[in-house]
Amino acid sequence: VYCSGPMTGKPDLNRPAFVAAEKRLTAQGHFVINPHRISALFGTAEELAASFSEYYRMLDLDANFFNHTPATQILERTRIARAVMDTDLAAVRSCDAICLLRGWETSRGAKKELAEALAHGLHVMQEGGEE
């Protein structure tokens, strides 16, 4: 089961909610993939936050960002976020189910993970019940 939920803009990147879900799902007999464990392989919380901030500015097609930032800098600043997201989506594809944590609807990353899960026929679970 892949855990998916909001991180960006949350205190400690919402780590306590992911750890609690991981423990609960593991106790139910599931093998759980917690994306915080994946992210930790790519850098510190500060490095991740900075890279994702730039990544989302890039996705928003912030004209000011593109007018004043060379492409090589954009690629370097978003490198960690792109690597993490690629790895997260590969992890989603390796699972049988995705568990959406509270607040997932506000998370761009969680929406992308859910779309990947649905495209690959994963069972969808929601915190507090199943869908």
N, C-alpha and C. Protein backbone atom coordinates (compact mmCIF):
# COMPACT_ATOMS: atom_id res chain seq x y z
N VAL A 1 0.84 -1.18 0.00
CA VAL A 1 0.00 0.00 0.00
C VAL A 1 0.89 1.24 0.00
N TYR A 2 0.65 2.12 -0.95
CA TYR A 2 1.37 3.38 -1.01
C TYR A 2 0.57 4.44 -0.26
N CYS A 3 1.18 5.13 0.68
CA CYS A 3 0.53 6.22 1.42
C CYS A 3 0.68 7.51 0.63
N SER A 4 -0.40 8.23 0.48
CA SER A 4 -0.38 9.47 -0.29
C SER A 4 -1.15 10.54 0.45
N GLY A 5 -0.55 11.72 0.54
CA GLY A 5 -1.23 12.82 1.22
C GLY A 5 -0.44 14.10 1.12
N PRO A 6 -0.93 15.14 1.75
CA PRO A 6 -0.27 16.44 1.66
C PRO A 6 1.03 16.48 2.44
N MET A 7 2.03 17.13 1.88
CA MET A 7 3.32 17.36 2.54
C MET A 7 3.71 18.83 2.48
N THR A 8 3.73 19.36 1.25
CA THR A 8 4.19 20.73 1.03
C THR A 8 3.38 21.72 1.86
N GLY A 9 4.10 22.56 2.58
CA GLY A 9 3.45 23.59 3.39
C GLY A 9 2.97 23.14 4.75
N LYS A 10 3.14 21.87 5.05
CA LYS A 10 2.72 21.32 6.35
C LYS A 10 3.91 21.28 7.30
N PRO A 11 3.66 21.47 8.60
CA PRO A 11 4.77 21.34 9.56
C PRO A 11 5.40 19.95 9.45
N ASP A 12 6.71 19.92 9.45
CA ASP A 12 7.48 18.67 9.32
C ASP A 12 7.00 17.85 8.12
N LEU A 13 6.54 18.54 7.08
CA LEU A 13 6.06 17.89 5.85
C LEU A 13 5.00 16.82 6.13
N ASN A 14 4.23 17.01 7.21
CA ASN A 14 3.13 16.11 7.57
C ASN A 14 3.62 14.70 7.92
N ARG A 15 4.88 14.60 8.32
CA ARG A 15 5.48 13.30 8.64
C ARG A 15 4.68 12.51 9.68
N PRO A 16 4.20 13.14 10.77
CA PRO A 16 3.46 12.35 11.78
C PRO A 16 2.24 11.62 11.21
N ALA A 17 1.54 12.25 10.28
CA ALA A 17 0.36 11.60 9.68
C ALA A 17 0.78 10.39 8.84
N PHE A 18 1.88 10.50 8.13
CA PHE A 18 2.37 9.38 7.31
C PHE A 18 2.87 8.24 8.19
N VAL A 19 3.56 8.56 9.27
CA VAL A 19 4.06 7.52 10.17
C VAL A 19 2.89 6.80 10.84
N ALA A 20 1.87 7.55 11.27
CA ALA A 20 0.70 6.93 11.89
C ALA A 20 -0.02 6.01 10.91
N ALA A 21 -0.18 6.46 9.67
CA ALA A 21 -0.84 5.63 8.65
C ALA A 21 -0.02 4.38 8.36
N GLU A 22 1.30 4.55 8.29
CA GLU A 22 2.18 3.40 8.04
C GLU A 22 2.03 2.37 9.16
N LYS A 23 2.02 2.82 10.39
CA LYS A 23 1.88 1.90 11.53
C LYS A 23 0.53 1.19 11.50
N ARG A 24 -0.53 1.96 11.23
CA ARG A 24 -1.87 1.38 11.21
C ARG A 24 -2.00 0.33 10.10
N LEU A 25 -1.54 0.67 8.92
CA LEU A 25 -1.64 -0.26 7.79
C LEU A 25 -0.75 -1.48 7.97
N THR A 26 0.43 -1.29 8.54
CA THR A 26 1.33 -2.42 8.82
C THR A 26 0.68 -3.36 9.83
N ALA A 27 0.04 -2.80 10.85
CA ALA A 27 -0.65 -3.61 11.86
C ALA A 27 -1.80 -4.42 11.25
N GLN A 28 -2.34 -3.92 10.14
CA GLN A 28 -3.42 -4.63 9.44
C GLN A 28 -2.87 -5.69 8.48
N GLY A 29 -1.53 -5.81 8.42
CA GLY A 29 -0.92 -6.84 7.60
C GLY A 29 -0.43 -6.40 6.24
N HIS A 30 -0.46 -5.09 5.98
CA HIS A 30 -0.01 -4.59 4.68
C HIS A 30 1.48 -4.29 4.69
N PHE A 31 2.11 -4.43 3.54
CA PHE A 31 3.45 -3.90 3.32
C PHE A 31 3.23 -2.47 2.85
N VAL A 32 3.82 -1.51 3.54
CA VAL A 32 3.51 -0.10 3.30
C VAL A 32 4.72 0.65 2.75
N ILE A 33 4.46 1.46 1.74
CA ILE A 33 5.47 2.37 1.23
C ILE A 33 5.10 3.77 1.69
N ASN A 34 5.97 4.34 2.52
CA ASN A 34 5.81 5.69 3.04
C ASN A 34 6.72 6.60 2.21
N PRO A 35 6.16 7.55 1.46
CA PRO A 35 7.00 8.39 0.60
C PRO A 35 8.03 9.23 1.36
N HIS A 36 7.84 9.42 2.66
CA HIS A 36 8.86 10.13 3.43
C HIS A 36 10.17 9.34 3.44
N ARG A 37 10.07 8.04 3.43
CA ARG A 37 11.28 7.21 3.41
C ARG A 37 11.98 7.35 2.06
N ILE A 38 11.21 7.52 1.00
CA ILE A 38 11.79 7.72 -0.33
C ILE A 38 12.45 9.10 -0.39
N SER A 39 11.73 10.13 0.03
CA SER A 39 12.24 11.50 -0.03
C SER A 39 13.54 11.66 0.73
N ALA A 40 13.66 10.98 1.85
CA ALA A 40 14.86 11.10 2.68
C ALA A 40 16.12 10.65 1.94
N LEU A 41 15.95 9.84 0.92
CA LEU A 41 17.10 9.38 0.13
C LEU A 41 17.67 10.48 -0.76
N PHE A 42 16.88 11.54 -0.98
CA PHE A 42 17.26 12.57 -1.94
C PHE A 42 17.78 13.86 -1.31
N GLY A 43 17.59 14.03 0.00
CA GLY A 43 18.09 15.26 0.61
C GLY A 43 17.38 15.58 1.91
N THR A 44 17.76 16.71 2.47
CA THR A 44 17.17 17.15 3.74
C THR A 44 15.78 17.73 3.48
N ALA A 45 15.02 17.92 4.55
CA ALA A 45 13.69 18.52 4.44
C ALA A 45 13.78 19.90 3.80
N GLU A 46 14.81 20.65 4.14
CA GLU A 46 14.98 21.99 3.58
C GLU A 46 15.27 21.93 2.08
N GLU A 47 16.13 21.01 1.67
CA GLU A 47 16.44 20.86 0.25
C GLU A 47 15.21 20.43 -0.54
N LEU A 48 14.45 19.51 0.04
CA LEU A 48 13.23 19.05 -0.62
C LEU A 48 12.22 20.18 -0.75
N ALA A 49 12.01 20.94 0.33
CA ALA A 49 11.05 22.04 0.30
C ALA A 49 11.44 23.07 -0.75
N ALA A 50 12.71 23.42 -0.82
CA ALA A 50 13.17 24.41 -1.79
C ALA A 50 12.99 23.90 -3.22
N SER A 51 13.33 22.65 -3.46
CA SER A 51 13.21 22.10 -4.80
C SER A 51 11.75 21.99 -5.22
N PHE A 52 10.88 21.55 -4.32
CA PHE A 52 9.45 21.45 -4.66
C PHE A 52 8.82 22.82 -4.86
N SER A 53 9.28 23.81 -4.12
CA SER A 53 8.78 25.18 -4.33
C SER A 53 9.08 25.63 -5.75
N GLU A 54 10.30 25.40 -6.20
CA GLU A 54 10.68 25.76 -7.57
C GLU A 54 9.93 24.89 -8.60
N TYR A 55 9.77 23.63 -8.28
CA TYR A 55 9.07 22.68 -9.17
C TYR A 55 7.64 23.14 -9.41
N TYR A 56 6.94 23.55 -8.34
CA TYR A 56 5.55 23.98 -8.50
C TYR A 56 5.48 25.33 -9.20
N ARG A 57 6.46 26.21 -8.99
CA ARG A 57 6.49 27.46 -9.75
C ARG A 57 6.65 27.15 -11.23
N MET A 58 7.49 26.18 -11.54
CA MET A 58 7.70 25.78 -12.93
C MET A 58 6.40 25.23 -13.51
N LEU A 59 5.72 24.37 -12.77
CA LEU A 59 4.47 23.78 -13.25
C LEU A 59 3.38 24.83 -13.44
N ASP A 60 3.42 25.87 -12.62
CA ASP A 60 2.43 26.95 -12.73
C ASP A 60 2.73 27.88 -13.90
N LEU A 61 3.84 27.63 -14.58
CA LEU A 61 4.27 28.47 -15.70
C LEU A 61 4.33 29.93 -15.29
N ASP A 62 4.96 30.15 -14.15
CA ASP A 62 5.17 31.50 -13.61
C ASP A 62 6.07 32.26 -14.60
N ALA A 63 5.49 33.18 -15.36
CA ALA A 63 6.23 33.90 -16.40
C ALA A 63 7.45 34.61 -15.83
N ASN A 64 7.30 35.21 -14.67
CA ASN A 64 8.42 35.91 -14.05
C ASN A 64 9.57 34.95 -13.78
N PHE A 65 9.23 33.76 -13.33
CA PHE A 65 10.22 32.72 -13.06
C PHE A 65 11.00 32.38 -14.34
N PHE A 66 10.27 32.19 -15.43
CA PHE A 66 10.91 31.79 -16.68
C PHE A 66 11.65 32.96 -17.35
N ASN A 67 11.15 34.17 -17.18
CA ASN A 67 11.80 35.32 -17.80
C ASN A 67 13.14 35.66 -17.15
N HIS A 68 13.29 35.31 -15.88
CA HIS A 68 14.48 35.72 -15.15
C HIS A 68 15.36 34.56 -14.69
N THR A 69 15.04 33.35 -15.12
CA THR A 69 15.80 32.19 -14.68
C THR A 69 16.22 31.36 -15.89
N PRO A 70 17.51 31.20 -16.12
CA PRO A 70 17.96 30.36 -17.23
C PRO A 70 17.50 28.91 -17.07
N ALA A 71 17.27 28.25 -18.17
CA ALA A 71 16.77 26.87 -18.16
C ALA A 71 17.67 25.95 -17.35
N THR A 72 18.97 26.14 -17.44
CA THR A 72 19.88 25.27 -16.69
C THR A 72 19.68 25.43 -15.19
N GLN A 73 19.39 26.65 -14.74
CA GLN A 73 19.12 26.87 -13.31
C GLN A 73 17.79 26.25 -12.91
N ILE A 74 16.79 26.36 -13.78
CA ILE A 74 15.48 25.74 -13.49
C ILE A 74 15.65 24.24 -13.32
N LEU A 75 16.37 23.62 -14.25
CA LEU A 75 16.58 22.18 -14.17
C LEU A 75 17.33 21.79 -12.90
N GLU A 76 18.33 22.56 -12.52
CA GLU A 76 19.10 22.24 -11.31
C GLU A 76 18.25 22.45 -10.06
N ARG A 77 17.51 23.54 -10.01
CA ARG A 77 16.70 23.84 -8.82
C ARG A 77 15.56 22.84 -8.61
N THR A 78 15.09 22.25 -9.69
CA THR A 78 13.96 21.31 -9.59
C THR A 78 14.41 19.85 -9.65
N ARG A 79 15.71 19.62 -9.76
CA ARG A 79 16.24 18.26 -9.93
C ARG A 79 15.77 17.31 -8.84
N ILE A 80 15.87 17.72 -7.59
CA ILE A 80 15.48 16.83 -6.48
C ILE A 80 13.99 16.53 -6.55
N ALA A 81 13.18 17.56 -6.73
CA ALA A 81 11.72 17.36 -6.78
C ALA A 81 11.33 16.43 -7.93
N ARG A 82 11.95 16.62 -9.08
CA ARG A 82 11.63 15.76 -10.23
C ARG A 82 12.03 14.31 -9.96
N ALA A 83 13.19 14.12 -9.34
CA ALA A 83 13.65 12.76 -9.02
C ALA A 83 12.74 12.10 -7.99
N VAL A 84 12.36 12.86 -6.97
CA VAL A 84 11.47 12.32 -5.93
C VAL A 84 10.12 11.94 -6.55
N MET A 85 9.54 12.84 -7.36
CA MET A 85 8.23 12.55 -7.94
C MET A 85 8.30 11.35 -8.87
N ASP A 86 9.35 11.25 -9.68
CA ASP A 86 9.51 10.08 -10.57
C ASP A 86 9.59 8.79 -9.75
N THR A 87 10.34 8.84 -8.66
CA THR A 87 10.51 7.65 -7.81
C THR A 87 9.20 7.32 -7.10
N ASP A 88 8.49 8.33 -6.62
CA ASP A 88 7.20 8.11 -5.97
C ASP A 88 6.21 7.45 -6.93
N LEU A 89 6.17 7.94 -8.16
CA LEU A 89 5.22 7.36 -9.12
C LEU A 89 5.59 5.92 -9.48
N ALA A 90 6.88 5.63 -9.54
CA ALA A 90 7.30 4.25 -9.76
C ALA A 90 6.88 3.37 -8.57
N ALA A 91 6.99 3.92 -7.36
CA ALA A 91 6.57 3.18 -6.17
C ALA A 91 5.07 2.92 -6.20
N VAL A 92 4.30 3.91 -6.62
CA VAL A 92 2.85 3.72 -6.74
C VAL A 92 2.57 2.54 -7.66
N ARG A 93 3.23 2.51 -8.81
CA ARG A 93 2.99 1.44 -9.79
C ARG A 93 3.36 0.06 -9.25
N SER A 94 4.22 0.01 -8.24
CA SER A 94 4.64 -1.28 -7.68
C SER A 94 3.65 -1.82 -6.65
N CYS A 95 2.63 -1.04 -6.33
CA CYS A 95 1.70 -1.40 -5.26
C CYS A 95 0.39 -1.98 -5.80
N ASP A 96 -0.36 -2.56 -4.87
CA ASP A 96 -1.70 -3.05 -5.18
C ASP A 96 -2.77 -2.05 -4.79
N ALA A 97 -2.41 -1.11 -3.89
CA ALA A 97 -3.39 -0.15 -3.38
C ALA A 97 -2.70 1.16 -3.02
N ILE A 98 -3.51 2.21 -2.94
CA ILE A 98 -3.04 3.52 -2.48
C ILE A 98 -3.97 3.93 -1.34
N CYS A 99 -3.39 4.47 -0.29
CA CYS A 99 -4.18 4.96 0.84
C CYS A 99 -4.05 6.48 0.87
N LEU A 100 -5.17 7.16 0.71
CA LEU A 100 -5.19 8.62 0.69
C LEU A 100 -5.38 9.15 2.11
N LEU A 101 -4.43 9.93 2.56
CA LEU A 101 -4.49 10.50 3.90
C LEU A 101 -5.37 11.76 3.88
N ARG A 102 -5.85 12.13 5.06
CA ARG A 102 -6.68 13.33 5.16
C ARG A 102 -5.98 14.52 4.52
N GLY A 103 -6.75 15.28 3.75
CA GLY A 103 -6.22 16.46 3.09
C GLY A 103 -5.60 16.20 1.74
N TRP A 104 -5.67 14.98 1.25
CA TRP A 104 -5.03 14.64 -0.02
C TRP A 104 -5.56 15.52 -1.16
N GLU A 105 -6.82 15.97 -1.04
CA GLU A 105 -7.45 16.75 -2.10
C GLU A 105 -6.74 18.07 -2.36
N THR A 106 -6.00 18.55 -1.37
CA THR A 106 -5.30 19.83 -1.50
C THR A 106 -3.86 19.65 -1.98
N SER A 107 -3.45 18.44 -2.20
CA SER A 107 -2.06 18.14 -2.54
C SER A 107 -1.89 17.83 -4.02
N ARG A 108 -1.08 18.62 -4.69
CA ARG A 108 -0.84 18.38 -6.10
C ARG A 108 -0.13 17.04 -6.31
N GLY A 109 0.81 16.73 -5.44
CA GLY A 109 1.53 15.47 -5.56
C GLY A 109 0.60 14.27 -5.33
N ALA A 110 -0.26 14.36 -4.32
CA ALA A 110 -1.19 13.26 -4.04
C ALA A 110 -2.17 13.06 -5.20
N LYS A 111 -2.60 14.14 -5.81
CA LYS A 111 -3.50 14.02 -6.96
C LYS A 111 -2.79 13.31 -8.12
N LYS A 112 -1.52 13.64 -8.30
CA LYS A 112 -0.74 12.99 -9.36
C LYS A 112 -0.56 11.50 -9.03
N GLU A 113 -0.30 11.20 -7.77
CA GLU A 113 -0.14 9.79 -7.35
C GLU A 113 -1.46 9.03 -7.51
N LEU A 114 -2.58 9.67 -7.16
CA LEU A 114 -3.88 9.02 -7.33
C LEU A 114 -4.15 8.74 -8.81
N ALA A 115 -3.86 9.70 -9.66
CA ALA A 115 -4.06 9.50 -11.11
C ALA A 115 -3.23 8.31 -11.60
N GLU A 116 -2.00 8.22 -11.11
CA GLU A 116 -1.13 7.10 -11.49
C GLU A 116 -1.72 5.78 -10.98
N ALA A 117 -2.21 5.80 -9.76
CA ALA A 117 -2.82 4.60 -9.17
C ALA A 117 -4.04 4.15 -9.97
N LEU A 118 -4.90 5.09 -10.31
CA LEU A 118 -6.10 4.76 -11.07
C LEU A 118 -5.74 4.24 -12.47
N ALA A 119 -4.73 4.85 -13.08
CA ALA A 119 -4.30 4.42 -14.41
C ALA A 119 -3.76 2.99 -14.41
N HIS A 120 -3.30 2.54 -13.24
CA HIS A 120 -2.73 1.20 -13.14
C HIS A 120 -3.61 0.23 -12.36
N GLY A 121 -4.85 0.62 -12.12
CA GLY A 121 -5.83 -0.29 -11.53
C GLY A 121 -5.65 -0.60 -10.06
N LEU A 122 -5.00 0.29 -9.31
CA LEU A 122 -4.81 0.05 -7.88
C LEU A 122 -6.12 0.26 -7.12
N HIS A 123 -6.26 -0.48 -6.05
CA HIS A 123 -7.38 -0.31 -5.13
C HIS A 123 -7.16 1.01 -4.38
N VAL A 124 -8.22 1.79 -4.20
CA VAL A 124 -8.11 3.08 -3.52
C VAL A 124 -8.73 2.99 -2.13
N MET A 125 -7.93 3.33 -1.14
CA MET A 125 -8.37 3.36 0.25
C MET A 125 -8.25 4.80 0.73
N GLN A 126 -9.14 5.18 1.64
CA GLN A 126 -9.04 6.51 2.24
C GLN A 126 -8.93 6.36 3.74
N GLU A 127 -8.18 7.24 4.34
CA GLU A 127 -8.05 7.25 5.79
C GLU A 127 -9.45 7.32 6.38
N GLY A 128 -9.75 6.40 7.28
CA GLY A 128 -11.07 6.37 7.89
C GLY A 128 -12.08 5.55 7.13
N GLY A 129 -11.67 4.85 6.10
CA GLY A 129 -12.59 4.02 5.33
C GLY A 129 -11.98 3.65 4.00
N GLU A 130 -12.76 3.01 3.17
CA GLU A 130 -12.30 2.63 1.84
C GLU A 130 -13.25 3.18 0.81
N GLU A 131 -12.75 3.34 -0.39
CA GLU A 131 -13.56 3.84 -1.49
C GLU A 131 -13.74 2.75 -2.51
